[in-house]
Amino acid sequence: MHWIHIPPPPPPHNFHIFSYAPYTPTLQIVEHWACCKLASSPDLADEELCDVLVAKLSSVQGVRYAAVATKAEELGRRGLAALLLDQEQVASEQVPLLLGLHEYQRYKGRGCVCVWCVEGGAGGYK
């Protein structure tokens, strides 16, 4: 008896990207989707778009919010970038973008930015 492998049928045209992607790493798909959502949603307010993105991104473990925040900053949405950085769990991912956004006061009490450097020590940012 010979077994014939029959591949599964192709997904419908309106398939959900998060539920069907057997050969592509989920993190890359989700981060790419978020960057595309940023570019295609110029009319949404920063807070509203942040809520939409966090709702989707929080379902996948290990998402780098800093990567999405960088894209938001490139698109000129600095407020949204700062909101997305609030979700980033890795301080070393937050700090470079925070320094570029000049948002030190927002994070000063959280310990993720070297206050001494920000307040002028060692020729830091002022």
PDB file of N, CA and C in Angstrom:
ATOM      1  N   MET A   1       0.839  -1.170   0.000  1.00  0.00           N
ATOM      2  CA  MET A   1       0.000   0.000   0.000  1.00  0.00           C
ATOM      3  C   MET A   1       0.891   1.242   0.000  1.00  0.00           C
ATOM      4  N   HIS A   2       0.614   2.168  -0.877  1.00  0.00           N
ATOM      5  CA  HIS A   2       1.368   3.415  -0.967  1.00  0.00           C
ATOM      6  C   HIS A   2       0.516   4.564  -0.452  1.00  0.00           C
ATOM      7  N   TRP A   3       1.168   5.406   0.323  1.00  0.00           N
ATOM      8  CA  TRP A   3       0.480   6.586   0.855  1.00  0.00           C
ATOM      9  C   TRP A   3       0.809   7.793  -0.018  1.00  0.00           C
ATOM     10  N   ILE A   4      -0.183   8.517  -0.353  1.00  0.00           N
ATOM     11  CA  ILE A   4      -0.004   9.727  -1.149  1.00  0.00           C
ATOM     12  C   ILE A   4      -0.219  10.921  -0.228  1.00  0.00           C
ATOM     13  N   HIS A   5       0.759  11.820  -0.229  1.00  0.00           N
ATOM     14  CA  HIS A   5       0.629  13.023   0.599  1.00  0.00           C
ATOM     15  C   HIS A   5      -0.206  14.063  -0.147  1.00  0.00           C
ATOM     16  N   ILE A   6      -1.291  14.444   0.464  1.00  0.00           N
ATOM     17  CA  ILE A   6      -2.141  15.475  -0.110  1.00  0.00           C
ATOM     18  C   ILE A   6      -1.948  16.741   0.731  1.00  0.00           C
ATOM     19  N   PRO A   7      -1.425  17.791   0.120  1.00  0.00           N
ATOM     20  CA  PRO A   7      -1.191  19.020   0.891  1.00  0.00           C
ATOM     21  C   PRO A   7      -2.520  19.659   1.308  1.00  0.00           C
ATOM     22  N   PRO A   8      -2.501  20.425   2.384  1.00  0.00           N
ATOM     23  CA  PRO A   8      -3.740  21.085   2.807  1.00  0.00           C
ATOM     24  C   PRO A   8      -4.164  22.114   1.766  1.00  0.00           C
ATOM     25  N   PRO A   9      -5.442  22.413   1.728  1.00  0.00           N
ATOM     26  CA  PRO A   9      -5.900  23.403   0.740  1.00  0.00           C
ATOM     27  C   PRO A   9      -5.318  24.777   1.075  1.00  0.00           C
ATOM     28  N   PRO A  10      -5.166  25.605   0.067  1.00  0.00           N
ATOM     29  CA  PRO A  10      -4.639  26.951   0.335  1.00  0.00           C
ATOM     30  C   PRO A  10      -5.616  27.727   1.218  1.00  0.00           C
ATOM     31  N   PRO A  11      -5.098  28.663   1.984  1.00  0.00           N
ATOM     32  CA  PRO A  11      -5.985  29.436   2.842  1.00  0.00           C
ATOM     33  C   PRO A  11      -6.884  30.336   2.005  1.00  0.00           C
ATOM     34  N   PRO A  12      -8.038  30.705   2.539  1.00  0.00           N
ATOM     35  CA  PRO A  12      -8.898  31.622   1.791  1.00  0.00           C
ATOM     36  C   PRO A  12      -8.209  32.974   1.630  1.00  0.00           C
ATOM     37  N   HIS A  13      -8.684  33.754   0.698  1.00  0.00           N
ATOM     38  CA  HIS A  13      -8.044  35.038   0.404  1.00  0.00           C
ATOM     39  C   HIS A  13      -8.088  36.002   1.569  1.00  0.00           C
ATOM     40  N   ASN A  14      -9.047  35.854   2.447  1.00  0.00           N
ATOM     41  CA  ASN A  14      -9.163  36.766   3.579  1.00  0.00           C
ATOM     42  C   ASN A  14      -8.654  36.115   4.868  1.00  0.00           C
ATOM     43  N   PHE A  15      -7.676  35.242   4.765  1.00  0.00           N
ATOM     44  CA  PHE A  15      -7.169  34.573   5.955  1.00  0.00           C
ATOM     45  C   PHE A  15      -6.485  35.561   6.880  1.00  0.00           C
ATOM     46  N   HIS A  16      -6.462  35.211   8.125  1.00  0.00           N
ATOM     47  CA  HIS A  16      -5.874  36.070   9.155  1.00  0.00           C
ATOM     48  C   HIS A  16      -4.384  35.772   9.247  1.00  0.00           C
ATOM     49  N   ILE A  17      -3.552  36.785   9.092  1.00  0.00           N
ATOM     50  CA  ILE A  17      -2.100  36.597   9.013  1.00  0.00           C
ATOM     51  C   ILE A  17      -1.524  35.971  10.275  1.00  0.00           C
ATOM     52  N   PHE A  18      -2.157  36.186  11.423  1.00  0.00           N
ATOM     53  CA  PHE A  18      -1.615  35.651  12.659  1.00  0.00           C
ATOM     54  C   PHE A  18      -1.932  34.169  12.831  1.00  0.00           C
ATOM     55  N   SER A  19      -2.890  33.647  12.076  1.00  0.00           N
ATOM     56  CA  SER A  19      -3.274  32.261  12.275  1.00  0.00           C
ATOM     57  C   SER A  19      -2.693  31.310  11.228  1.00  0.00           C
ATOM     58  N   TYR A  20      -2.103  31.841  10.160  1.00  0.00           N
ATOM     59  CA  TYR A  20      -1.566  30.957   9.130  1.00  0.00           C
ATOM     60  C   TYR A  20      -0.235  31.492   8.631  1.00  0.00           C
ATOM     61  N   ALA A  21       0.816  30.939   9.131  1.00  0.00           N
ATOM     62  CA  ALA A  21       2.152  31.301   8.661  1.00  0.00           C
ATOM     63  C   ALA A  21       3.137  30.223   9.086  1.00  0.00           C
ATOM     64  N   PRO A  22       3.046  29.058   8.476  1.00  0.00           N
ATOM     65  CA  PRO A  22       3.860  27.937   8.957  1.00  0.00           C
ATOM     66  C   PRO A  22       5.355  28.075   8.694  1.00  0.00           C
ATOM     67  N   TYR A  23       5.770  28.883   7.735  1.00  0.00           N
ATOM     68  CA  TYR A  23       7.175  28.914   7.379  1.00  0.00           C
ATOM     69  C   TYR A  23       7.879  30.228   7.732  1.00  0.00           C
ATOM     70  N   THR A  24       7.162  31.174   8.284  1.00  0.00           N
ATOM     71  CA  THR A  24       7.741  32.475   8.607  1.00  0.00           C
ATOM     72  C   THR A  24       7.680  32.685  10.108  1.00  0.00           C
ATOM     73  N   PRO A  25       8.776  33.131  10.720  1.00  0.00           N
ATOM     74  CA  PRO A  25       8.760  33.370  12.162  1.00  0.00           C
ATOM     75  C   PRO A  25       7.699  34.402  12.534  1.00  0.00           C
ATOM     76  N   THR A  26       6.945  34.080  13.565  1.00  0.00           N
ATOM     77  CA  THR A  26       5.824  34.910  13.981  1.00  0.00           C
ATOM     78  C   THR A  26       6.254  36.325  14.348  1.00  0.00           C
ATOM     79  N   LEU A  27       7.373  36.472  15.040  1.00  0.00           N
ATOM     80  CA  LEU A  27       7.813  37.805  15.447  1.00  0.00           C
ATOM     81  C   LEU A  27       8.022  38.719  14.247  1.00  0.00           C
ATOM     82  N   GLN A  28       8.636  38.199  13.214  1.00  0.00           N
ATOM     83  CA  GLN A  28       8.875  39.017  12.021  1.00  0.00           C
ATOM     84  C   GLN A  28       7.568  39.429  11.360  1.00  0.00           C
ATOM     85  N   ILE A  29       6.613  38.528  11.327  1.00  0.00           N
ATOM     86  CA  ILE A  29       5.315  38.832  10.725  1.00  0.00           C
ATOM     87  C   ILE A  29       4.612  39.929  11.514  1.00  0.00           C
ATOM     88  N   VAL A  30       4.582  39.780  12.821  1.00  0.00           N
ATOM     89  CA  VAL A  30       3.867  40.721  13.669  1.00  0.00           C
ATOM     90  C   VAL A  30       4.523  42.094  13.629  1.00  0.00           C
ATOM     91  N   GLU A  31       5.841  42.141  13.698  1.00  0.00           N
ATOM     92  CA  GLU A  31       6.532  43.427  13.652  1.00  0.00           C
ATOM     93  C   GLU A  31       6.355  44.091  12.290  1.00  0.00           C
ATOM     94  N   HIS A  32       6.395  43.305  11.224  1.00  0.00           N
ATOM     95  CA  HIS A  32       6.178  43.865   9.887  1.00  0.00           C
ATOM     96  C   HIS A  32       4.753  44.393   9.760  1.00  0.00           C
ATOM     97  N   TRP A  33       3.784  43.640  10.270  1.00  0.00           N
ATOM     98  CA  TRP A  33       2.394  44.090  10.241  1.00  0.00           C
ATOM     99  C   TRP A  33       2.253  45.421  10.973  1.00  0.00           C
ATOM    100  N   ALA A  34       2.887  45.528  12.142  1.00  0.00           N
ATOM    101  CA  ALA A  34       2.784  46.749  12.935  1.00  0.00           C
ATOM    102  C   ALA A  34       3.372  47.943  12.180  1.00  0.00           C
ATOM    103  N   CYS A  35       4.502  47.737  11.527  1.00  0.00           N
ATOM    104  CA  CYS A  35       5.120  48.824  10.758  1.00  0.00           C
ATOM    105  C   CYS A  35       4.239  49.230   9.577  1.00  0.00           C
ATOM    106  N   CYS A  36       3.611  48.263   8.935  1.00  0.00           N
ATOM    107  CA  CYS A  36       2.695  48.566   7.834  1.00  0.00           C
ATOM    108  C   CYS A  36       1.451  49.296   8.348  1.00  0.00           C
ATOM    109  N   LYS A  37       0.980  48.888   9.519  1.00  0.00           N
ATOM    110  CA  LYS A  37      -0.183  49.547  10.125  1.00  0.00           C
ATOM    111  C   LYS A  37       0.141  51.008  10.432  1.00  0.00           C
ATOM    112  N   LEU A  38       1.354  51.264  10.907  1.00  0.00           N
ATOM    113  CA  LEU A  38       1.781  52.644  11.172  1.00  0.00           C
ATOM    114  C   LEU A  38       1.712  53.479   9.897  1.00  0.00           C
ATOM    115  N   ALA A  39       2.265  52.934   8.835  1.00  0.00           N
ATOM    116  CA  ALA A  39       2.339  53.672   7.577  1.00  0.00           C
ATOM    117  C   ALA A  39       0.965  53.885   6.953  1.00  0.00           C
ATOM    118  N   SER A  40       0.044  52.964   7.199  1.00  0.00           N
ATOM    119  CA  SER A  40      -1.270  53.054   6.557  1.00  0.00           C
ATOM    120  C   SER A  40      -2.323  53.733   7.428  1.00  0.00           C
ATOM    121  N   SER A  41      -1.937  54.241   8.583  1.00  0.00           N
ATOM    122  CA  SER A  41      -2.920  54.844   9.495  1.00  0.00           C
ATOM    123  C   SER A  41      -2.527  56.259   9.919  1.00  0.00           C
ATOM    124  N   PRO A  42      -2.304  57.157   8.969  1.00  0.00           N
ATOM    125  CA  PRO A  42      -1.888  58.511   9.363  1.00  0.00           C
ATOM    126  C   PRO A  42      -2.999  59.310  10.037  1.00  0.00           C
ATOM    127  N   ASP A  43      -4.248  58.904   9.851  1.00  0.00           N
ATOM    128  CA  ASP A  43      -5.366  59.668  10.401  1.00  0.00           C
ATOM    129  C   ASP A  43      -5.705  59.299  11.851  1.00  0.00           C
ATOM    130  N   LEU A  44      -5.228  58.152  12.330  1.00  0.00           N
ATOM    131  CA  LEU A  44      -5.527  57.749  13.705  1.00  0.00           C
ATOM    132  C   LEU A  44      -4.680  58.541  14.691  1.00  0.00           C
ATOM    133  N   ALA A  45      -5.284  58.892  15.817  1.00  0.00           N
ATOM    134  CA  ALA A  45      -4.553  59.574  16.881  1.00  0.00           C
ATOM    135  C   ALA A  45      -3.513  58.619  17.467  1.00  0.00           C
ATOM    136  N   ASP A  46      -2.458  59.178  18.033  1.00  0.00           N
ATOM    137  CA  ASP A  46      -1.373  58.362  18.583  1.00  0.00           C
ATOM    138  C   ASP A  46      -1.870  57.357  19.611  1.00  0.00           C
ATOM    139  N   GLU A  47      -2.703  57.802  20.542  1.00  0.00           N
ATOM    140  CA  GLU A  47      -3.196  56.914  21.596  1.00  0.00           C
ATOM    141  C   GLU A  47      -4.053  55.790  21.024  1.00  0.00           C
ATOM    142  N   GLU A  48      -4.893  56.136  20.060  1.00  0.00           N
ATOM    143  CA  GLU A  48      -5.772  55.144  19.449  1.00  0.00           C
ATOM    144  C   GLU A  48      -4.968  54.092  18.676  1.00  0.00           C
ATOM    145  N   LEU A  49      -4.007  54.549  17.888  1.00  0.00           N
ATOM    146  CA  LEU A  49      -3.182  53.621  17.120  1.00  0.00           C
ATOM    147  C   LEU A  49      -2.317  52.766  18.049  1.00  0.00           C
ATOM    148  N   CYS A  50      -1.820  53.365  19.113  1.00  0.00           N
ATOM    149  CA  CYS A  50      -1.036  52.607  20.093  1.00  0.00           C
ATOM    150  C   CYS A  50      -1.884  51.481  20.694  1.00  0.00           C
ATOM    151  N   ASP A  51      -3.132  51.775  21.023  1.00  0.00           N
ATOM    152  CA  ASP A  51      -4.022  50.754  21.579  1.00  0.00           C
ATOM    153  C   ASP A  51      -4.243  49.610  20.596  1.00  0.00           C
ATOM    154  N   VAL A  52      -4.430  49.943  19.313  1.00  0.00           N
ATOM    155  CA  VAL A  52      -4.628  48.921  18.278  1.00  0.00           C
ATOM    156  C   VAL A  52      -3.377  48.041  18.168  1.00  0.00           C
ATOM    157  N   LEU A  53      -2.221  48.682  18.111  1.00  0.00           N
ATOM    158  CA  LEU A  53      -0.969  47.939  17.961  1.00  0.00           C
ATOM    159  C   LEU A  53      -0.685  47.060  19.171  1.00  0.00           C
ATOM    160  N   VAL A  54      -0.862  47.602  20.363  1.00  0.00           N
ATOM    161  CA  VAL A  54      -0.580  46.838  21.576  1.00  0.00           C
ATOM    162  C   VAL A  54      -1.547  45.658  21.701  1.00  0.00           C
ATOM    163  N   ALA A  55      -2.790  45.844  21.295  1.00  0.00           N
ATOM    164  CA  ALA A  55      -3.761  44.742  21.352  1.00  0.00           C
ATOM    165  C   ALA A  55      -3.296  43.553  20.514  1.00  0.00           C
ATOM    166  N   LYS A  56      -2.744  43.826  19.341  1.00  0.00           N
ATOM    167  CA  LYS A  56      -2.250  42.739  18.478  1.00  0.00           C
ATOM    168  C   LYS A  56      -0.886  42.223  18.931  1.00  0.00           C
ATOM    169  N   LEU A  57       0.027  43.156  19.222  1.00  0.00           N
ATOM    170  CA  LEU A  57       1.396  42.760  19.538  1.00  0.00           C
ATOM    171  C   LEU A  57       1.512  42.017  20.863  1.00  0.00           C
ATOM    172  N   SER A  58       0.652  42.324  21.802  1.00  0.00           N
ATOM    173  CA  SER A  58       0.747  41.682  23.118  1.00  0.00           C
ATOM    174  C   SER A  58       0.402  40.200  23.075  1.00  0.00           C
ATOM    175  N   SER A  59      -0.202  39.748  21.990  1.00  0.00           N
ATOM    176  CA  SER A  59      -0.541  38.324  21.884  1.00  0.00           C
ATOM    177  C   SER A  59       0.653  37.464  21.507  1.00  0.00           C
ATOM    178  N   VAL A  60       1.767  38.098  21.135  1.00  0.00           N
ATOM    179  CA  VAL A  60       2.963  37.366  20.730  1.00  0.00           C
ATOM    180  C   VAL A  60       4.100  37.693  21.691  1.00  0.00           C
ATOM    181  N   GLN A  61       4.668  36.666  22.272  1.00  0.00           N
ATOM    182  CA  GLN A  61       5.743  36.866  23.231  1.00  0.00           C
ATOM    183  C   GLN A  61       7.048  37.230  22.520  1.00  0.00           C
ATOM    184  N   GLY A  62       7.765  38.214  23.083  1.00  0.00           N
ATOM    185  CA  GLY A  62       9.062  38.587  22.543  1.00  0.00           C
ATOM    186  C   GLY A  62       9.038  39.685  21.504  1.00  0.00           C
ATOM    187  N   VAL A  63       7.892  40.299  21.294  1.00  0.00           N
ATOM    188  CA  VAL A  63       7.805  41.378  20.312  1.00  0.00           C
ATOM    189  C   VAL A  63       8.660  42.551  20.773  1.00  0.00           C
ATOM    190  N   ARG A  64       9.377  43.148  19.839  1.00  0.00           N
ATOM    191  CA  ARG A  64      10.227  44.299  20.147  1.00  0.00           C
ATOM    192  C   ARG A  64       9.460  45.575  19.818  1.00  0.00           C
ATOM    193  N   TYR A  65       8.895  46.160  20.840  1.00  0.00           N
ATOM    194  CA  TYR A  65       8.169  47.409  20.656  1.00  0.00           C
ATOM    195  C   TYR A  65       9.118  48.522  20.207  1.00  0.00           C
ATOM    196  N   ALA A  66      10.374  48.423  20.590  1.00  0.00           N
ATOM    197  CA  ALA A  66      11.348  49.448  20.203  1.00  0.00           C
ATOM    198  C   ALA A  66      11.521  49.487  18.683  1.00  0.00           C
ATOM    199  N   ALA A  67      11.453  48.343  18.028  1.00  0.00           N
ATOM    200  CA  ALA A  67      11.570  48.310  16.564  1.00  0.00           C
ATOM    201  C   ALA A  67      10.393  49.031  15.916  1.00  0.00           C
ATOM    202  N   VAL A  68       9.210  48.819  16.460  1.00  0.00           N
ATOM    203  CA  VAL A  68       8.014  49.486  15.930  1.00  0.00           C
ATOM    204  C   VAL A  68       8.069  50.977  16.263  1.00  0.00           C
ATOM    205  N   ALA A  69       8.551  51.302  17.462  1.00  0.00           N
ATOM    206  CA  ALA A  69       8.687  52.706  17.864  1.00  0.00           C
ATOM    207  C   ALA A  69       9.678  53.434  16.958  1.00  0.00           C
ATOM    208  N   THR A  70      10.729  52.753  16.554  1.00  0.00           N
ATOM    209  CA  THR A  70      11.700  53.350  15.634  1.00  0.00           C
ATOM    210  C   THR A  70      11.033  53.696  14.306  1.00  0.00           C
ATOM    211  N   LYS A  71      10.199  52.804  13.822  1.00  0.00           N
ATOM    212  CA  LYS A  71       9.470  53.064  12.574  1.00  0.00           C
ATOM    213  C   LYS A  71       8.520  54.246  12.759  1.00  0.00           C
ATOM    214  N   ALA A  72       7.856  54.316  13.908  1.00  0.00           N
ATOM    215  CA  ALA A  72       6.953  55.441  14.174  1.00  0.00           C
ATOM    216  C   ALA A  72       7.728  56.758  14.162  1.00  0.00           C
ATOM    217  N   GLU A  73       8.913  56.750  14.745  1.00  0.00           N
ATOM    218  CA  GLU A  73       9.732  57.958  14.766  1.00  0.00           C
ATOM    219  C   GLU A  73      10.183  58.334  13.351  1.00  0.00           C
ATOM    220  N   GLU A  74      10.522  57.344  12.539  1.00  0.00           N
ATOM    221  CA  GLU A  74      10.902  57.603  11.146  1.00  0.00           C
ATOM    222  C   GLU A  74       9.760  58.231  10.358  1.00  0.00           C
ATOM    223  N   LEU A  75       8.528  57.880  10.728  1.00  0.00           N
ATOM    224  CA  LEU A  75       7.355  58.428  10.046  1.00  0.00           C
ATOM    225  C   LEU A  75       6.917  59.769  10.636  1.00  0.00           C
ATOM    226  N   GLY A  76       7.679  60.268  11.602  1.00  0.00           N
ATOM    227  CA  GLY A  76       7.374  61.562  12.189  1.00  0.00           C
ATOM    228  C   GLY A  76       6.367  61.531  13.319  1.00  0.00           C
ATOM    229  N   ARG A  77       6.084  60.360  13.853  1.00  0.00           N
ATOM    230  CA  ARG A  77       5.105  60.224  14.936  1.00  0.00           C
ATOM    231  C   ARG A  77       5.835  59.987  16.251  1.00  0.00           C
ATOM    232  N   ARG A  78       6.484  61.041  16.725  1.00  0.00           N
ATOM    233  CA  ARG A  78       7.312  60.956  17.926  1.00  0.00           C
ATOM    234  C   ARG A  78       6.478  60.624  19.170  1.00  0.00           C
ATOM    235  N   GLY A  79       5.287  61.172  19.280  1.00  0.00           N
ATOM    236  CA  GLY A  79       4.423  60.876  20.423  1.00  0.00           C
ATOM    237  C   GLY A  79       4.048  59.407  20.470  1.00  0.00           C
ATOM    238  N   LEU A  80       3.728  58.845  19.309  1.00  0.00           N
ATOM    239  CA  LEU A  80       3.406  57.423  19.224  1.00  0.00           C
ATOM    240  C   LEU A  80       4.623  56.574  19.558  1.00  0.00           C
ATOM    241  N   ALA A  81       5.784  56.996  19.092  1.00  0.00           N
ATOM    242  CA  ALA A  81       7.016  56.266  19.405  1.00  0.00           C
ATOM    243  C   ALA A  81       7.233  56.208  20.908  1.00  0.00           C
ATOM    244  N   ALA A  82       7.002  57.328  21.593  1.00  0.00           N
ATOM    245  CA  ALA A  82       7.163  57.352  23.049  1.00  0.00           C
ATOM    246  C   ALA A  82       6.145  56.438  23.727  1.00  0.00           C
ATOM    247  N   LEU A  83       4.913  56.425  23.229  1.00  0.00           N
ATOM    248  CA  LEU A  83       3.887  55.542  23.803  1.00  0.00           C
ATOM    249  C   LEU A  83       4.259  54.072  23.612  1.00  0.00           C
ATOM    250  N   LEU A  84       4.789  53.738  22.453  1.00  0.00           N
ATOM    251  CA  LEU A  84       5.189  52.349  22.195  1.00  0.00           C
ATOM    252  C   LEU A  84       6.370  51.946  23.067  1.00  0.00           C
ATOM    253  N   LEU A  85       7.261  52.885  23.329  1.00  0.00           N
ATOM    254  CA  LEU A  85       8.401  52.566  24.192  1.00  0.00           C
ATOM    255  C   LEU A  85       7.966  52.264  25.623  1.00  0.00           C
ATOM    256  N   ASP A  86       6.809  52.770  26.022  1.00  0.00           N
ATOM    257  CA  ASP A  86       6.271  52.423  27.346  1.00  0.00           C
ATOM    258  C   ASP A  86       6.025  50.920  27.460  1.00  0.00           C
ATOM    259  N   GLN A  87       5.784  50.266  26.330  1.00  0.00           N
ATOM    260  CA  GLN A  87       5.486  48.828  26.320  1.00  0.00           C
ATOM    261  C   GLN A  87       6.749  47.961  26.254  1.00  0.00           C
ATOM    262  N   GLU A  88       7.854  48.541  25.831  1.00  0.00           N
ATOM    263  CA  GLU A  88       9.110  47.786  25.683  1.00  0.00           C
ATOM    264  C   GLU A  88       9.608  47.338  27.050  1.00  0.00           C
ATOM    265  N   GLN A  89       9.950  46.059  27.159  1.00  0.00           N
ATOM    266  CA  GLN A  89      10.400  45.476  28.426  1.00  0.00           C
ATOM    267  C   GLN A  89      11.920  45.523  28.594  1.00  0.00           C
ATOM    268  N   VAL A  90      12.652  45.700  27.510  1.00  0.00           N
ATOM    269  CA  VAL A  90      14.112  45.656  27.552  1.00  0.00           C
ATOM    270  C   VAL A  90      14.648  47.088  27.529  1.00  0.00           C
ATOM    271  N   ALA A  91      15.230  47.504  28.654  1.00  0.00           N
ATOM    272  CA  ALA A  91      15.707  48.883  28.777  1.00  0.00           C
ATOM    273  C   ALA A  91      16.773  49.222  27.737  1.00  0.00           C
ATOM    274  N   SER A  92      17.624  48.272  27.408  1.00  0.00           N
ATOM    275  CA  SER A  92      18.685  48.551  26.441  1.00  0.00           C
ATOM    276  C   SER A  92      18.124  48.816  25.045  1.00  0.00           C
ATOM    277  N   GLU A  93      16.906  48.376  24.789  1.00  0.00           N
ATOM    278  CA  GLU A  93      16.244  48.679  23.525  1.00  0.00           C
ATOM    279  C   GLU A  93      15.594  50.067  23.578  1.00  0.00           C
ATOM    280  N   GLN A  94      15.172  50.478  24.781  1.00  0.00           N
ATOM    281  CA  GLN A  94      14.493  51.766  24.940  1.00  0.00           C
ATOM    282  C   GLN A  94      15.445  52.952  24.841  1.00  0.00           C
ATOM    283  N   VAL A  95      16.573  52.854  25.517  1.00  0.00           N
ATOM    284  CA  VAL A  95      17.437  54.011  25.749  1.00  0.00           C
ATOM    285  C   VAL A  95      17.888  54.723  24.473  1.00  0.00           C
ATOM    286  N   PRO A  96      18.399  54.041  23.447  1.00  0.00           N
ATOM    287  CA  PRO A  96      18.855  54.780  22.258  1.00  0.00           C
ATOM    288  C   PRO A  96      17.752  55.638  21.626  1.00  0.00           C
ATOM    289  N   LEU A  97      16.557  55.081  21.542  1.00  0.00           N
ATOM    290  CA  LEU A  97      15.466  55.839  20.940  1.00  0.00           C
ATOM    291  C   LEU A  97      14.991  56.952  21.872  1.00  0.00           C
ATOM    292  N   LEU A  98      14.974  56.687  23.154  1.00  0.00           N
ATOM    293  CA  LEU A  98      14.590  57.722  24.117  1.00  0.00           C
ATOM    294  C   LEU A  98      15.500  58.927  24.017  1.00  0.00           C
ATOM    295  N   LEU A  99      16.781  58.680  23.898  1.00  0.00           N
ATOM    296  CA  LEU A  99      17.728  59.782  23.779  1.00  0.00           C
ATOM    297  C   LEU A  99      17.491  60.564  22.491  1.00  0.00           C
ATOM    298  N   GLY A 100      17.144  59.856  21.425  1.00  0.00           N
ATOM    299  CA  GLY A 100      16.844  60.529  20.169  1.00  0.00           C
ATOM    300  C   GLY A 100      15.544  61.319  20.219  1.00  0.00           C
ATOM    301  N   LEU A 101      14.598  60.848  21.013  1.00  0.00           N
ATOM    302  CA  LEU A 101      13.314  61.532  21.135  1.00  0.00           C
ATOM    303  C   LEU A 101      13.354  62.680  22.138  1.00  0.00           C
ATOM    304  N   HIS A 102      14.431  62.748  22.912  1.00  0.00           N
ATOM    305  CA  HIS A 102      14.550  63.749  23.980  1.00  0.00           C
ATOM    306  C   HIS A 102      13.405  63.627  24.978  1.00  0.00           C
ATOM    307  N   GLU A 103      13.082  62.408  25.359  1.00  0.00           N
ATOM    308  CA  GLU A 103      11.996  62.132  26.295  1.00  0.00           C
ATOM    309  C   GLU A 103      12.532  61.697  27.651  1.00  0.00           C
ATOM    310  N   TYR A 104      13.636  62.278  28.089  1.00  0.00           N
ATOM    311  CA  TYR A 104      14.254  61.806  29.322  1.00  0.00           C
ATOM    312  C   TYR A 104      13.370  62.018  30.542  1.00  0.00           C
ATOM    313  N   GLN A 105      12.731  63.172  30.646  1.00  0.00           N
ATOM    314  CA  GLN A 105      11.937  63.472  31.844  1.00  0.00           C
ATOM    315  C   GLN A 105      10.811  62.461  32.022  1.00  0.00           C
ATOM    316  N   ARG A 106      10.276  61.965  30.937  1.00  0.00           N
ATOM    317  CA  ARG A 106       9.190  60.994  30.989  1.00  0.00           C
ATOM    318  C   ARG A 106       9.634  59.697  31.678  1.00  0.00           C
ATOM    319  N   TYR A 107      10.902  59.337  31.526  1.00  0.00           N
ATOM    320  CA  TYR A 107      11.402  58.061  32.029  1.00  0.00           C
ATOM    321  C   TYR A 107      12.373  58.206  33.184  1.00  0.00           C
ATOM    322  N   LYS A 108      12.581  59.409  33.641  1.00  0.00           N
ATOM    323  CA  LYS A 108      13.608  59.689  34.645  1.00  0.00           C
ATOM    324  C   LYS A 108      13.449  58.835  35.904  1.00  0.00           C
ATOM    325  N   GLY A 109      12.255  58.687  36.411  1.00  0.00           N
ATOM    326  CA  GLY A 109      12.028  57.941  37.643  1.00  0.00           C
ATOM    327  C   GLY A 109      11.987  56.436  37.475  1.00  0.00           C
ATOM    328  N   ARG A 110      12.034  55.952  36.265  1.00  0.00           N
ATOM    329  CA  ARG A 110      11.910  54.513  36.029  1.00  0.00           C
ATOM    330  C   ARG A 110      13.245  53.788  36.017  1.00  0.00           C
ATOM    331  N   GLY A 111      14.333  54.541  36.041  1.00  0.00           N
ATOM    332  CA  GLY A 111      15.646  53.915  36.104  1.00  0.00           C
ATOM    333  C   GLY A 111      16.148  53.355  34.795  1.00  0.00           C
ATOM    334  N   CYS A 112      15.489  53.644  33.687  1.00  0.00           N
ATOM    335  CA  CYS A 112      15.956  53.074  32.424  1.00  0.00           C
ATOM    336  C   CYS A 112      16.846  54.051  31.658  1.00  0.00           C
ATOM    337  N   VAL A 113      16.971  55.283  32.123  1.00  0.00           N
ATOM    338  CA  VAL A 113      17.881  56.236  31.517  1.00  0.00           C
ATOM    339  C   VAL A 113      18.822  56.706  32.607  1.00  0.00           C
ATOM    340  N   CYS A 114      20.074  56.745  32.309  1.00  0.00           N
ATOM    341  CA  CYS A 114      21.056  57.191  33.280  1.00  0.00           C
ATOM    342  C   CYS A 114      20.832  58.676  33.559  1.00  0.00           C
ATOM    343  N   VAL A 115      20.273  58.979  34.721  1.00  0.00           N
ATOM    344  CA  VAL A 115      19.920  60.352  35.065  1.00  0.00           C
ATOM    345  C   VAL A 115      21.156  61.237  35.075  1.00  0.00           C
ATOM    346  N   TRP A 116      22.266  60.737  35.541  1.00  0.00           N
ATOM    347  CA  TRP A 116      23.491  61.514  35.595  1.00  0.00           C
ATOM    348  C   TRP A 116      23.899  61.963  34.196  1.00  0.00           C
ATOM    349  N   CYS A 117      23.794  61.050  33.213  1.00  0.00           N
ATOM    350  CA  CYS A 117      24.148  61.389  31.834  1.00  0.00           C
ATOM    351  C   CYS A 117      23.162  62.397  31.249  1.00  0.00           C
ATOM    352  N   VAL A 118      21.880  62.188  31.513  1.00  0.00           N
ATOM    353  CA  VAL A 118      20.849  63.050  30.954  1.00  0.00           C
ATOM    354  C   VAL A 118      20.942  64.454  31.513  1.00  0.00           C
ATOM    355  N   GLU A 119      21.262  64.585  32.795  1.00  0.00           N
ATOM    356  CA  GLU A 119      21.278  65.896  33.430  1.00  0.00           C
ATOM    357  C   GLU A 119      22.591  66.640  33.241  1.00  0.00           C
ATOM    358  N   GLY A 120      23.470  66.148  32.424  1.00  0.00           N
ATOM    359  CA  GLY A 120      24.642  66.914  32.059  1.00  0.00           C
ATOM    360  C   GLY A 120      25.972  66.329  32.505  1.00  0.00           C
ATOM    361  N   GLY A 121      25.976  65.263  33.280  1.00  0.00           N
ATOM    362  CA  GLY A 121      27.226  64.648  33.680  1.00  0.00           C
ATOM    363  C   GLY A 121      27.913  64.008  32.496  1.00  0.00           C
ATOM    364  N   ALA A 122      29.235  64.014  32.501  1.00  0.00           N
ATOM    365  CA  ALA A 122      30.039  63.395  31.440  1.00  0.00           C
ATOM    366  C   ALA A 122      29.669  63.923  30.065  1.00  0.00           C
ATOM    367  N   GLY A 123      29.277  65.195  30.006  1.00  0.00           N
ATOM    368  CA  GLY A 123      28.914  65.772  28.703  1.00  0.00           C
ATOM    369  C   GLY A 123      27.641  65.184  28.152  1.00  0.00           C
ATOM    370  N   GLY A 124      26.776  64.740  29.039  1.00  0.00           N
ATOM    371  CA  GLY A 124      25.535  64.088  28.621  1.00  0.00           C
ATOM    372  C   GLY A 124      24.580  65.037  27.922  1.00  0.00           C
ATOM    373  N   TYR A 125      23.417  64.566  27.627  1.00  0.00           N
ATOM    374  CA  TYR A 125      22.404  65.314  26.912  1.00  0.00           C
ATOM    375  C   TYR A 125      21.732  66.302  27.835  1.00  0.00           C
ATOM    376  N   LYS A 126      21.437  67.455  27.368  1.00  0.00           N
ATOM    377  CA  LYS A 126      20.757  68.471  28.177  1.00  0.00           C
ATOM    378  C   LYS A 126      19.560  68.994  27.445  1.00  0.00           C
TER     379      LYS A 126
END
